Amino acid sequence: TVHQAQERVDEIKALQKELDKIIKKT
């Protein structure tokens, strides 16, 4: 379960710049 969660964290980290851009914009 922790490894599954870590995979999702890795996906989020890979998109972090884009996610942060959305946060900044809104």
mmCIF file of all heavy atoms, coordinates in Angstrom:
data_MODEL
# 
_entry.id   MODEL 
# 
loop_
_atom_site.group_PDB 
_atom_site.id 
_atom_site.type_symbol 
_atom_site.label_atom_id 
_atom_site.label_alt_id 
_atom_site.label_comp_id 
_atom_site.label_asym_id 
_atom_site.label_entity_id 
_atom_site.label_seq_id 
_atom_site.pdbx_PDB_ins_code 
_atom_site.Cartn_x 
_atom_site.Cartn_y 
_atom_site.Cartn_z 
_atom_site.occupancy 
_atom_site.B_iso_or_equiv 
_atom_site.pdbx_formal_charge 
_atom_site.auth_seq_id 
_atom_site.auth_comp_id 
_atom_site.auth_asym_id 
_atom_site.auth_atom_id 
_atom_site.pdbx_PDB_model_num 
ATOM 1   N N   . THR A 1 1  ? 0.831  -1.205 0.000   1.00 0.00 ? 1  THR A N   1 
ATOM 2   C CA  . THR A 1 1  ? 0.000  0.000  0.000   1.00 0.00 ? 1  THR A CA  1 
ATOM 3   C C   . THR A 1 1  ? 0.863  1.252  0.000   1.00 0.00 ? 1  THR A C   1 
ATOM 4   O O   . THR A 1 1  ? 0.579  2.210  -0.720  1.00 0.00 ? 1  THR A O   1 
ATOM 5   C CB  . THR A 1 1  ? -0.952 0.001  1.213   1.00 0.00 ? 1  THR A CB  1 
ATOM 6   O OG1 . THR A 1 1  ? -1.768 -1.165 1.157   1.00 0.00 ? 1  THR A OG1 1 
ATOM 7   C CG2 . THR A 1 1  ? -1.827 1.239  1.225   1.00 0.00 ? 1  THR A CG2 1 
ATOM 8   N N   . VAL A 1 2  ? 1.926  1.251  0.775   1.00 0.00 ? 2  VAL A N   1 
ATOM 9   C CA  . VAL A 1 2  ? 2.827  2.404  0.810   1.00 0.00 ? 2  VAL A CA  1 
ATOM 10  C C   . VAL A 1 2  ? 3.492  2.586  -0.550  1.00 0.00 ? 2  VAL A C   1 
ATOM 11  O O   . VAL A 1 2  ? 3.627  3.709  -1.032  1.00 0.00 ? 2  VAL A O   1 
ATOM 12  C CB  . VAL A 1 2  ? 3.885  2.264  1.930   1.00 0.00 ? 2  VAL A CB  1 
ATOM 13  C CG1 . VAL A 1 2  ? 4.863  3.425  1.885   1.00 0.00 ? 2  VAL A CG1 1 
ATOM 14  C CG2 . VAL A 1 2  ? 3.222  2.204  3.298   1.00 0.00 ? 2  VAL A CG2 1 
ATOM 15  N N   . HIS A 1 3  ? 3.869  1.493  -1.189  1.00 0.00 ? 3  HIS A N   1 
ATOM 16  C CA  . HIS A 1 3  ? 4.475  1.589  -2.515  1.00 0.00 ? 3  HIS A CA  1 
ATOM 17  C C   . HIS A 1 3  ? 3.479  2.135  -3.547  1.00 0.00 ? 3  HIS A C   1 
ATOM 18  O O   . HIS A 1 3  ? 3.859  2.924  -4.413  1.00 0.00 ? 3  HIS A O   1 
ATOM 19  C CB  . HIS A 1 3  ? 5.043  0.248  -2.968  1.00 0.00 ? 3  HIS A CB  1 
ATOM 20  C CG  . HIS A 1 3  ? 6.332  -0.099 -2.298  1.00 0.00 ? 3  HIS A CG  1 
ATOM 21  N ND1 . HIS A 1 3  ? 7.487  0.631  -2.484  1.00 0.00 ? 3  HIS A ND1 1 
ATOM 22  C CD2 . HIS A 1 3  ? 6.657  -1.091 -1.431  1.00 0.00 ? 3  HIS A CD2 1 
ATOM 23  C CE1 . HIS A 1 3  ? 8.461  0.102  -1.761  1.00 0.00 ? 3  HIS A CE1 1 
ATOM 24  N NE2 . HIS A 1 3  ? 7.984  -0.947 -1.111  1.00 0.00 ? 3  HIS A NE2 1 
ATOM 25  N N   . GLN A 1 4  ? 2.212  1.724  -3.444  1.00 0.00 ? 4  GLN A N   1 
ATOM 26  C CA  . GLN A 1 4  ? 1.176  2.263  -4.326  1.00 0.00 ? 4  GLN A CA  1 
ATOM 27  C C   . GLN A 1 4  ? 1.037  3.774  -4.115  1.00 0.00 ? 4  GLN A C   1 
ATOM 28  O O   . GLN A 1 4  ? 0.940  4.538  -5.077  1.00 0.00 ? 4  GLN A O   1 
ATOM 29  C CB  . GLN A 1 4  ? -0.168 1.597  -4.074  1.00 0.00 ? 4  GLN A CB  1 
ATOM 30  C CG  . GLN A 1 4  ? -0.255 0.185  -4.566  1.00 0.00 ? 4  GLN A CG  1 
ATOM 31  C CD  . GLN A 1 4  ? -1.568 -0.466 -4.160  1.00 0.00 ? 4  GLN A CD  1 
ATOM 32  O OE1 . GLN A 1 4  ? -2.110 -0.218 -3.084  1.00 0.00 ? 4  GLN A OE1 1 
ATOM 33  N NE2 . GLN A 1 4  ? -2.082 -1.323 -5.035  1.00 0.00 ? 4  GLN A NE2 1 
ATOM 34  N N   . ALA A 1 5  ? 1.026  4.181  -2.863  1.00 0.00 ? 5  ALA A N   1 
ATOM 35  C CA  . ALA A 1 5  ? 0.923  5.607  -2.549  1.00 0.00 ? 5  ALA A CA  1 
ATOM 36  C C   . ALA A 1 5  ? 2.150  6.356  -3.059  1.00 0.00 ? 5  ALA A C   1 
ATOM 37  O O   . ALA A 1 5  ? 2.034  7.454  -3.603  1.00 0.00 ? 5  ALA A O   1 
ATOM 38  C CB  . ALA A 1 5  ? 0.762  5.806  -1.044  1.00 0.00 ? 5  ALA A CB  1 
ATOM 39  N N   . GLN A 1 6  ? 3.319  5.751  -2.932  1.00 0.00 ? 6  GLN A N   1 
ATOM 40  C CA  . GLN A 1 6  ? 4.545  6.383  -3.410  1.00 0.00 ? 6  GLN A CA  1 
ATOM 41  C C   . GLN A 1 6  ? 4.514  6.565  -4.923  1.00 0.00 ? 6  GLN A C   1 
ATOM 42  O O   . GLN A 1 6  ? 4.984  7.573  -5.439  1.00 0.00 ? 6  GLN A O   1 
ATOM 43  C CB  . GLN A 1 6  ? 5.773  5.577  -2.996  1.00 0.00 ? 6  GLN A CB  1 
ATOM 44  C CG  . GLN A 1 6  ? 7.094  6.222  -3.383  1.00 0.00 ? 6  GLN A CG  1 
ATOM 45  C CD  . GLN A 1 6  ? 7.319  7.565  -2.711  1.00 0.00 ? 6  GLN A CD  1 
ATOM 46  O OE1 . GLN A 1 6  ? 7.235  7.669  -1.496  1.00 0.00 ? 6  GLN A OE1 1 
ATOM 47  N NE2 . GLN A 1 6  ? 7.581  8.594  -3.489  1.00 0.00 ? 6  GLN A NE2 1 
ATOM 48  N N   . GLU A 1 7  ? 3.939  5.605  -5.630  1.00 0.00 ? 7  GLU A N   1 
ATOM 49  C CA  . GLU A 1 7  ? 3.796  5.742  -7.087  1.00 0.00 ? 7  GLU A CA  1 
ATOM 50  C C   . GLU A 1 7  ? 2.946  6.955  -7.430  1.00 0.00 ? 7  GLU A C   1 
ATOM 51  O O   . GLU A 1 7  ? 3.273  7.714  -8.338  1.00 0.00 ? 7  GLU A O   1 
ATOM 52  C CB  . GLU A 1 7  ? 3.176  4.478  -7.681  1.00 0.00 ? 7  GLU A CB  1 
ATOM 53  C CG  . GLU A 1 7  ? 4.114  3.299  -7.712  1.00 0.00 ? 7  GLU A CG  1 
ATOM 54  C CD  . GLU A 1 7  ? 3.435  2.021  -8.190  1.00 0.00 ? 7  GLU A CD  1 
ATOM 55  O OE1 . GLU A 1 7  ? 2.294  2.084  -8.707  1.00 0.00 ? 7  GLU A OE1 1 
ATOM 56  O OE2 . GLU A 1 7  ? 4.046  0.957  -8.028  1.00 0.00 ? 7  GLU A OE2 1 
ATOM 57  N N   . ARG A 1 8  ? 1.867  7.150  -6.693  1.00 0.00 ? 8  ARG A N   1 
ATOM 58  C CA  . ARG A 1 8  ? 1.009  8.315  -6.928  1.00 0.00 ? 8  ARG A CA  1 
ATOM 59  C C   . ARG A 1 8  ? 1.756  9.598  -6.581  1.00 0.00 ? 8  ARG A C   1 
ATOM 60  O O   . ARG A 1 8  ? 1.653  10.594 -7.290  1.00 0.00 ? 8  ARG A O   1 
ATOM 61  C CB  . ARG A 1 8  ? -0.269 8.205  -6.123  1.00 0.00 ? 8  ARG A CB  1 
ATOM 62  C CG  . ARG A 1 8  ? -1.162 9.418  -6.362  1.00 0.00 ? 8  ARG A CG  1 
ATOM 63  C CD  . ARG A 1 8  ? -2.556 9.194  -5.987  1.00 0.00 ? 8  ARG A CD  1 
ATOM 64  N NE  . ARG A 1 8  ? -3.118 8.169  -6.833  1.00 0.00 ? 8  ARG A NE  1 
ATOM 65  C CZ  . ARG A 1 8  ? -4.397 7.831  -6.801  1.00 0.00 ? 8  ARG A CZ  1 
ATOM 66  N NH1 . ARG A 1 8  ? -5.205 8.441  -5.985  1.00 0.00 ? 8  ARG A NH1 1 
ATOM 67  N NH2 . ARG A 1 8  ? -4.858 6.886  -7.575  1.00 0.00 ? 8  ARG A NH2 1 
ATOM 68  N N   . VAL A 1 9  ? 2.516  9.577  -5.509  1.00 0.00 ? 9  VAL A N   1 
ATOM 69  C CA  . VAL A 1 9  ? 3.330  10.742 -5.138  1.00 0.00 ? 9  VAL A CA  1 
ATOM 70  C C   . VAL A 1 9  ? 4.311  11.061 -6.257  1.00 0.00 ? 9  VAL A C   1 
ATOM 71  O O   . VAL A 1 9  ? 4.484  12.233 -6.622  1.00 0.00 ? 9  VAL A O   1 
ATOM 72  C CB  . VAL A 1 9  ? 4.073  10.499 -3.797  1.00 0.00 ? 9  VAL A CB  1 
ATOM 73  C CG1 . VAL A 1 9  ? 5.134  11.556 -3.558  1.00 0.00 ? 9  VAL A CG1 1 
ATOM 74  C CG2 . VAL A 1 9  ? 3.083  10.461 -2.643  1.00 0.00 ? 9  VAL A CG2 1 
ATOM 75  N N   . ASP A 1 10 ? 4.932  10.043 -6.824  1.00 0.00 ? 10 ASP A N   1 
ATOM 76  C CA  . ASP A 1 10 ? 5.870  10.257 -7.926  1.00 0.00 ? 10 ASP A CA  1 
ATOM 77  C C   . ASP A 1 10 ? 5.175  10.900 -9.124  1.00 0.00 ? 10 ASP A C   1 
ATOM 78  O O   . ASP A 1 10 ? 5.741  11.779 -9.777  1.00 0.00 ? 10 ASP A O   1 
ATOM 79  C CB  . ASP A 1 10 ? 6.536  8.940  -8.329  1.00 0.00 ? 10 ASP A CB  1 
ATOM 80  C CG  . ASP A 1 10 ? 7.446  8.387  -7.239  1.00 0.00 ? 10 ASP A CG  1 
ATOM 81  O OD1 . ASP A 1 10 ? 7.843  9.154  -6.325  1.00 0.00 ? 10 ASP A OD1 1 
ATOM 82  O OD2 . ASP A 1 10 ? 7.753  7.176  -7.293  1.00 0.00 ? 10 ASP A OD2 1 
ATOM 83  N N   . GLU A 1 11 ? 3.952  10.465 -9.410  1.00 0.00 ? 11 GLU A N   1 
ATOM 84  C CA  . GLU A 1 11 ? 3.183  11.059 -10.501 1.00 0.00 ? 11 GLU A CA  1 
ATOM 85  C C   . GLU A 1 11 ? 2.885  12.536 -10.212 1.00 0.00 ? 11 GLU A C   1 
ATOM 86  O O   . GLU A 1 11 ? 2.995  13.386 -11.101 1.00 0.00 ? 11 GLU A O   1 
ATOM 87  C CB  . GLU A 1 11 ? 1.874  10.299 -10.714 1.00 0.00 ? 11 GLU A CB  1 
ATOM 88  C CG  . GLU A 1 11 ? 2.068  8.897  -11.240 1.00 0.00 ? 11 GLU A CG  1 
ATOM 89  C CD  . GLU A 1 11 ? 0.793  8.073  -11.217 1.00 0.00 ? 11 GLU A CD  1 
ATOM 90  O OE1 . GLU A 1 11 ? -0.304 8.631  -10.945 1.00 0.00 ? 11 GLU A OE1 1 
ATOM 91  O OE2 . GLU A 1 11 ? 0.880  6.856  -11.453 1.00 0.00 ? 11 GLU A OE2 1 
ATOM 92  N N   . ILE A 1 12 ? 2.507  12.831 -8.982  1.00 0.00 ? 12 ILE A N   1 
ATOM 93  C CA  . ILE A 1 12 ? 2.205  14.215 -8.590  1.00 0.00 ? 12 ILE A CA  1 
ATOM 94  C C   . ILE A 1 12 ? 3.470  15.067 -8.664  1.00 0.00 ? 12 ILE A C   1 
ATOM 95  O O   . ILE A 1 12 ? 3.448  16.181 -9.180  1.00 0.00 ? 12 ILE A O   1 
ATOM 96  C CB  . ILE A 1 12 ? 1.576  14.258 -7.184  1.00 0.00 ? 12 ILE A CB  1 
ATOM 97  C CG1 . ILE A 1 12 ? 0.185  13.610 -7.225  1.00 0.00 ? 12 ILE A CG1 1 
ATOM 98  C CG2 . ILE A 1 12 ? 1.494  15.693 -6.661  1.00 0.00 ? 12 ILE A CG2 1 
ATOM 99  C CD1 . ILE A 1 12 ? -0.436 13.363 -5.864  1.00 0.00 ? 12 ILE A CD1 1 
ATOM 100 N N   . LYS A 1 13 ? 4.581  14.529 -8.183  1.00 0.00 ? 13 LYS A N   1 
ATOM 101 C CA  . LYS A 1 13 ? 5.848  15.271 -8.231  1.00 0.00 ? 13 LYS A CA  1 
ATOM 102 C C   . LYS A 1 13 ? 6.267  15.548 -9.675  1.00 0.00 ? 13 LYS A C   1 
ATOM 103 O O   . LYS A 1 13 ? 6.813  16.604 -9.973  1.00 0.00 ? 13 LYS A O   1 
ATOM 104 C CB  . LYS A 1 13 ? 6.952  14.506 -7.495  1.00 0.00 ? 13 LYS A CB  1 
ATOM 105 C CG  . LYS A 1 13 ? 6.801  14.494 -5.986  1.00 0.00 ? 13 LYS A CG  1 
ATOM 106 C CD  . LYS A 1 13 ? 7.077  15.867 -5.446  1.00 0.00 ? 13 LYS A CD  1 
ATOM 107 C CE  . LYS A 1 13 ? 7.146  15.852 -3.938  1.00 0.00 ? 13 LYS A CE  1 
ATOM 108 N NZ  . LYS A 1 13 ? 7.360  17.186 -3.415  1.00 0.00 ? 13 LYS A NZ  1 
ATOM 109 N N   . ALA A 1 14 ? 6.007  14.604 -10.576 1.00 0.00 ? 14 ALA A N   1 
ATOM 110 C CA  . ALA A 1 14 ? 6.348  14.808 -11.983 1.00 0.00 ? 14 ALA A CA  1 
ATOM 111 C C   . ALA A 1 14 ? 5.532  15.936 -12.600 1.00 0.00 ? 14 ALA A C   1 
ATOM 112 O O   . ALA A 1 14 ? 5.987  16.610 -13.528 1.00 0.00 ? 14 ALA A O   1 
ATOM 113 C CB  . ALA A 1 14 ? 6.130  13.515 -12.763 1.00 0.00 ? 14 ALA A CB  1 
ATOM 114 N N   . LEU A 1 15 ? 4.346  16.167 -12.076 1.00 0.00 ? 15 LEU A N   1 
ATOM 115 C CA  . LEU A 1 15 ? 3.459  17.222 -12.583 1.00 0.00 ? 15 LEU A CA  1 
ATOM 116 C C   . LEU A 1 15 ? 3.466  18.474 -11.702 1.00 0.00 ? 15 LEU A C   1 
ATOM 117 O O   . LEU A 1 15 ? 2.668  19.379 -11.915 1.00 0.00 ? 15 LEU A O   1 
ATOM 118 C CB  . LEU A 1 15 ? 2.022  16.686 -12.669 1.00 0.00 ? 15 LEU A CB  1 
ATOM 119 C CG  . LEU A 1 15 ? 1.769  15.600 -13.694 1.00 0.00 ? 15 LEU A CG  1 
ATOM 120 C CD1 . LEU A 1 15 ? 0.436  14.921 -13.434 1.00 0.00 ? 15 LEU A CD1 1 
ATOM 121 C CD2 . LEU A 1 15 ? 1.814  16.197 -15.087 1.00 0.00 ? 15 LEU A CD2 1 
ATOM 122 N N   . GLN A 1 16 ? 4.346  18.513 -10.722 1.00 0.00 ? 16 GLN A N   1 
ATOM 123 C CA  . GLN A 1 16 ? 4.285  19.575 -9.718  1.00 0.00 ? 16 GLN A CA  1 
ATOM 124 C C   . GLN A 1 16 ? 4.367  20.981 -10.314 1.00 0.00 ? 16 GLN A C   1 
ATOM 125 O O   . GLN A 1 16 ? 3.629  21.867 -9.891  1.00 0.00 ? 16 GLN A O   1 
ATOM 126 C CB  . GLN A 1 16 ? 5.378  19.391 -8.666  1.00 0.00 ? 16 GLN A CB  1 
ATOM 127 C CG  . GLN A 1 16 ? 5.271  20.405 -7.542  1.00 0.00 ? 16 GLN A CG  1 
ATOM 128 C CD  . GLN A 1 16 ? 6.167  20.059 -6.382  1.00 0.00 ? 16 GLN A CD  1 
ATOM 129 O OE1 . GLN A 1 16 ? 6.356  18.890 -6.075  1.00 0.00 ? 16 GLN A OE1 1 
ATOM 130 N NE2 . GLN A 1 16 ? 6.708  21.069 -5.743  1.00 0.00 ? 16 GLN A NE2 1 
ATOM 131 N N   . LYS A 1 17 ? 5.223  21.193 -11.288 1.00 0.00 ? 17 LYS A N   1 
ATOM 132 C CA  . LYS A 1 17 ? 5.329  22.526 -11.886 1.00 0.00 ? 17 LYS A CA  1 
ATOM 133 C C   . LYS A 1 17 ? 4.004  22.946 -12.507 1.00 0.00 ? 17 LYS A C   1 
ATOM 134 O O   . LYS A 1 17 ? 3.567  24.082 -12.348 1.00 0.00 ? 17 LYS A O   1 
ATOM 135 C CB  . LYS A 1 17 ? 6.447  22.578 -12.928 1.00 0.00 ? 17 LYS A CB  1 
ATOM 136 C CG  . LYS A 1 17 ? 7.817  22.582 -12.325 1.00 0.00 ? 17 LYS A CG  1 
ATOM 137 C CD  . LYS A 1 17 ? 8.891  22.709 -13.388 1.00 0.00 ? 17 LYS A CD  1 
ATOM 138 C CE  . LYS A 1 17 ? 10.258 22.669 -12.725 1.00 0.00 ? 17 LYS A CE  1 
ATOM 139 N NZ  . LYS A 1 17 ? 11.337 22.799 -13.694 1.00 0.00 ? 17 LYS A NZ  1 
ATOM 140 N N   . GLU A 1 18 ? 3.372  22.026 -13.204 1.00 0.00 ? 18 GLU A N   1 
ATOM 141 C CA  . GLU A 1 18 ? 2.084  22.324 -13.824 1.00 0.00 ? 18 GLU A CA  1 
ATOM 142 C C   . GLU A 1 18 ? 0.999  22.544 -12.766 1.00 0.00 ? 18 GLU A C   1 
ATOM 143 O O   . GLU A 1 18 ? 0.186  23.464 -12.882 1.00 0.00 ? 18 GLU A O   1 
ATOM 144 C CB  . GLU A 1 18 ? 1.686  21.198 -14.766 1.00 0.00 ? 18 GLU A CB  1 
ATOM 145 C CG  . GLU A 1 18 ? 0.465  21.522 -15.581 1.00 0.00 ? 18 GLU A CG  1 
ATOM 146 C CD  . GLU A 1 18 ? 0.223  20.489 -16.666 1.00 0.00 ? 18 GLU A CD  1 
ATOM 147 O OE1 . GLU A 1 18 ? 1.176  19.848 -17.132 1.00 0.00 ? 18 GLU A OE1 1 
ATOM 148 O OE2 . GLU A 1 18 ? -0.949 20.339 -17.033 1.00 0.00 ? 18 GLU A OE2 1 
ATOM 149 N N   . LEU A 1 19 ? 0.995  21.710 -11.735 1.00 0.00 ? 19 LEU A N   1 
ATOM 150 C CA  . LEU A 1 19 ? 0.017  21.862 -10.658 1.00 0.00 ? 19 LEU A CA  1 
ATOM 151 C C   . LEU A 1 19 ? 0.204  23.201 -9.942  1.00 0.00 ? 19 LEU A C   1 
ATOM 152 O O   . LEU A 1 19 ? -0.778 23.902 -9.658  1.00 0.00 ? 19 LEU A O   1 
ATOM 153 C CB  . LEU A 1 19 ? 0.136  20.700 -9.665  1.00 0.00 ? 19 LEU A CB  1 
ATOM 154 C CG  . LEU A 1 19 ? -0.132 19.304 -10.217 1.00 0.00 ? 19 LEU A CG  1 
ATOM 155 C CD1 . LEU A 1 19 ? 0.217  18.251 -9.183  1.00 0.00 ? 19 LEU A CD1 1 
ATOM 156 C CD2 . LEU A 1 19 ? -1.558 19.160 -10.698 1.00 0.00 ? 19 LEU A CD2 1 
ATOM 157 N N   . ASP A 1 20 ? 1.449  23.550 -9.668  1.00 0.00 ? 20 ASP A N   1 
ATOM 158 C CA  . ASP A 1 20 ? 1.729  24.828 -9.002  1.00 0.00 ? 20 ASP A CA  1 
ATOM 159 C C   . ASP A 1 20 ? 1.324  26.010 -9.876  1.00 0.00 ? 20 ASP A C   1 
ATOM 160 O O   . ASP A 1 20 ? 0.846  27.031 -9.379  1.00 0.00 ? 20 ASP A O   1 
ATOM 161 C CB  . ASP A 1 20 ? 3.201  24.925 -8.616  1.00 0.00 ? 20 ASP A CB  1 
ATOM 162 C CG  . ASP A 1 20 ? 3.562  24.000 -7.449  1.00 0.00 ? 20 ASP A CG  1 
ATOM 163 O OD1 . ASP A 1 20 ? 2.642  23.389 -6.854  1.00 0.00 ? 20 ASP A OD1 1 
ATOM 164 O OD2 . ASP A 1 20 ? 4.757  23.895 -7.139  1.00 0.00 ? 20 ASP A OD2 1 
ATOM 165 N N   . LYS A 1 21 ? 1.484  25.859 -11.173 1.00 0.00 ? 21 LYS A N   1 
ATOM 166 C CA  . LYS A 1 21 ? 1.083  26.918 -12.103 1.00 0.00 ? 21 LYS A CA  1 
ATOM 167 C C   . LYS A 1 21 ? -0.429 27.151 -12.018 1.00 0.00 ? 21 LYS A C   1 
ATOM 168 O O   . LYS A 1 21 ? -0.900 28.284 -12.021 1.00 0.00 ? 21 LYS A O   1 
ATOM 169 C CB  . LYS A 1 21 ? 1.486  26.539 -13.533 1.00 0.00 ? 21 LYS A CB  1 
ATOM 170 C CG  . LYS A 1 21 ? 1.427  27.692 -14.507 1.00 0.00 ? 21 LYS A CG  1 
ATOM 171 C CD  . LYS A 1 21 ? 1.783  27.257 -15.931 1.00 0.00 ? 21 LYS A CD  1 
ATOM 172 C CE  . LYS A 1 21 ? 3.175  26.656 -15.988 1.00 0.00 ? 21 LYS A CE  1 
ATOM 173 N NZ  . LYS A 1 21 ? 3.590  26.303 -17.374 1.00 0.00 ? 21 LYS A NZ  1 
ATOM 174 N N   . ILE A 1 22 ? -1.183 26.062 -11.908 1.00 0.00 ? 22 ILE A N   1 
ATOM 175 C CA  . ILE A 1 22 ? -2.639 26.163 -11.764 1.00 0.00 ? 22 ILE A CA  1 
ATOM 176 C C   . ILE A 1 22 ? -2.996 26.850 -10.457 1.00 0.00 ? 22 ILE A C   1 
ATOM 177 O O   . ILE A 1 22 ? -3.878 27.715 -10.413 1.00 0.00 ? 22 ILE A O   1 
ATOM 178 C CB  . ILE A 1 22 ? -3.299 24.765 -11.863 1.00 0.00 ? 22 ILE A CB  1 
ATOM 179 C CG1 . ILE A 1 22 ? -3.110 24.191 -13.268 1.00 0.00 ? 22 ILE A CG1 1 
ATOM 180 C CG2 . ILE A 1 22 ? -4.775 24.828 -11.488 1.00 0.00 ? 22 ILE A CG2 1 
ATOM 181 C CD1 . ILE A 1 22 ? -3.478 22.726 -13.402 1.00 0.00 ? 22 ILE A CD1 1 
ATOM 182 N N   . ILE A 1 23 ? -2.312 26.466 -9.388  1.00 0.00 ? 23 ILE A N   1 
ATOM 183 C CA  . ILE A 1 23 ? -2.570 27.091 -8.081  1.00 0.00 ? 23 ILE A CA  1 
ATOM 184 C C   . ILE A 1 23 ? -2.264 28.585 -8.151  1.00 0.00 ? 23 ILE A C   1 
ATOM 185 O O   . ILE A 1 23 ? -3.056 29.412 -7.692  1.00 0.00 ? 23 ILE A O   1 
ATOM 186 C CB  . ILE A 1 23 ? -1.747 26.407 -6.968  1.00 0.00 ? 23 ILE A CB  1 
ATOM 187 C CG1 . ILE A 1 23 ? -2.186 24.953 -6.793  1.00 0.00 ? 23 ILE A CG1 1 
ATOM 188 C CG2 . ILE A 1 23 ? -1.890 27.179 -5.647  1.00 0.00 ? 23 ILE A CG2 1 
ATOM 189 C CD1 . ILE A 1 23 ? -1.255 24.114 -5.933  1.00 0.00 ? 23 ILE A CD1 1 
ATOM 190 N N   . LYS A 1 24 ? -1.128 28.944 -8.724  1.00 0.00 ? 24 LYS A N   1 
ATOM 191 C CA  . LYS A 1 24 ? -0.741 30.356 -8.835  1.00 0.00 ? 24 LYS A CA  1 
ATOM 192 C C   . LYS A 1 24 ? -1.768 31.147 -9.639  1.00 0.00 ? 24 LYS A C   1 
ATOM 193 O O   . LYS A 1 24 ? -2.108 32.274 -9.285  1.00 0.00 ? 24 LYS A O   1 
ATOM 194 C CB  . LYS A 1 24 ? 0.639  30.484 -9.491  1.00 0.00 ? 24 LYS A CB  1 
ATOM 195 C CG  . LYS A 1 24 ? 1.770  30.030 -8.618  1.00 0.00 ? 24 LYS A CG  1 
ATOM 196 C CD  . LYS A 1 24 ? 3.092  30.058 -9.376  1.00 0.00 ? 24 LYS A CD  1 
ATOM 197 C CE  . LYS A 1 24 ? 4.200  29.435 -8.542  1.00 0.00 ? 24 LYS A CE  1 
ATOM 198 N NZ  . LYS A 1 24 ? 5.480  29.382 -9.257  1.00 0.00 ? 24 LYS A NZ  1 
ATOM 199 N N   . LYS A 1 25 ? -2.244 30.554 -10.704 1.00 0.00 ? 25 LYS A N   1 
ATOM 200 C CA  . LYS A 1 25 ? -3.188 31.229 -11.587 1.00 0.00 ? 25 LYS A CA  1 
ATOM 201 C C   . LYS A 1 25 ? -4.527 31.487 -10.899 1.00 0.00 ? 25 LYS A C   1 
ATOM 202 O O   . LYS A 1 25 ? -5.151 32.523 -11.106 1.00 0.00 ? 25 LYS A O   1 
ATOM 203 C CB  . LYS A 1 25 ? -3.404 30.382 -12.837 1.00 0.00 ? 25 LYS A CB  1 
ATOM 204 C CG  . LYS A 1 25 ? -4.367 30.955 -13.831 1.00 0.00 ? 25 LYS A CG  1 
ATOM 205 C CD  . LYS A 1 25 ? -4.510 30.029 -15.020 1.00 0.00 ? 25 LYS A CD  1 
ATOM 206 C CE  . LYS A 1 25 ? -5.615 30.502 -15.941 1.00 0.00 ? 25 LYS A CE  1 
ATOM 207 N NZ  . LYS A 1 25 ? -5.830 29.570 -17.049 1.00 0.00 ? 25 LYS A NZ  1 
ATOM 208 N N   . THR A 1 26 ? -4.959 30.544 -10.075 1.00 0.00 ? 26 THR A N   1 
ATOM 209 C CA  . THR A 1 26 ? -6.281 30.657 -9.456  1.00 0.00 ? 26 THR A CA  1 
ATOM 210 C C   . THR A 1 26 ? -6.269 31.299 -8.080  1.00 0.00 ? 26 THR A C   1 
ATOM 211 O O   . THR A 1 26 ? -7.315 31.679 -7.577  1.00 0.00 ? 26 THR A O   1 
ATOM 212 C CB  . THR A 1 26 ? -6.961 29.281 -9.368  1.00 0.00 ? 26 THR A CB  1 
ATOM 213 O OG1 . THR A 1 26 ? -6.116 28.383 -8.662  1.00 0.00 ? 26 THR A OG1 1 
ATOM 214 C CG2 . THR A 1 26 ? -7.256 28.732 -10.739 1.00 0.00 ? 26 THR A CG2 1 
# 
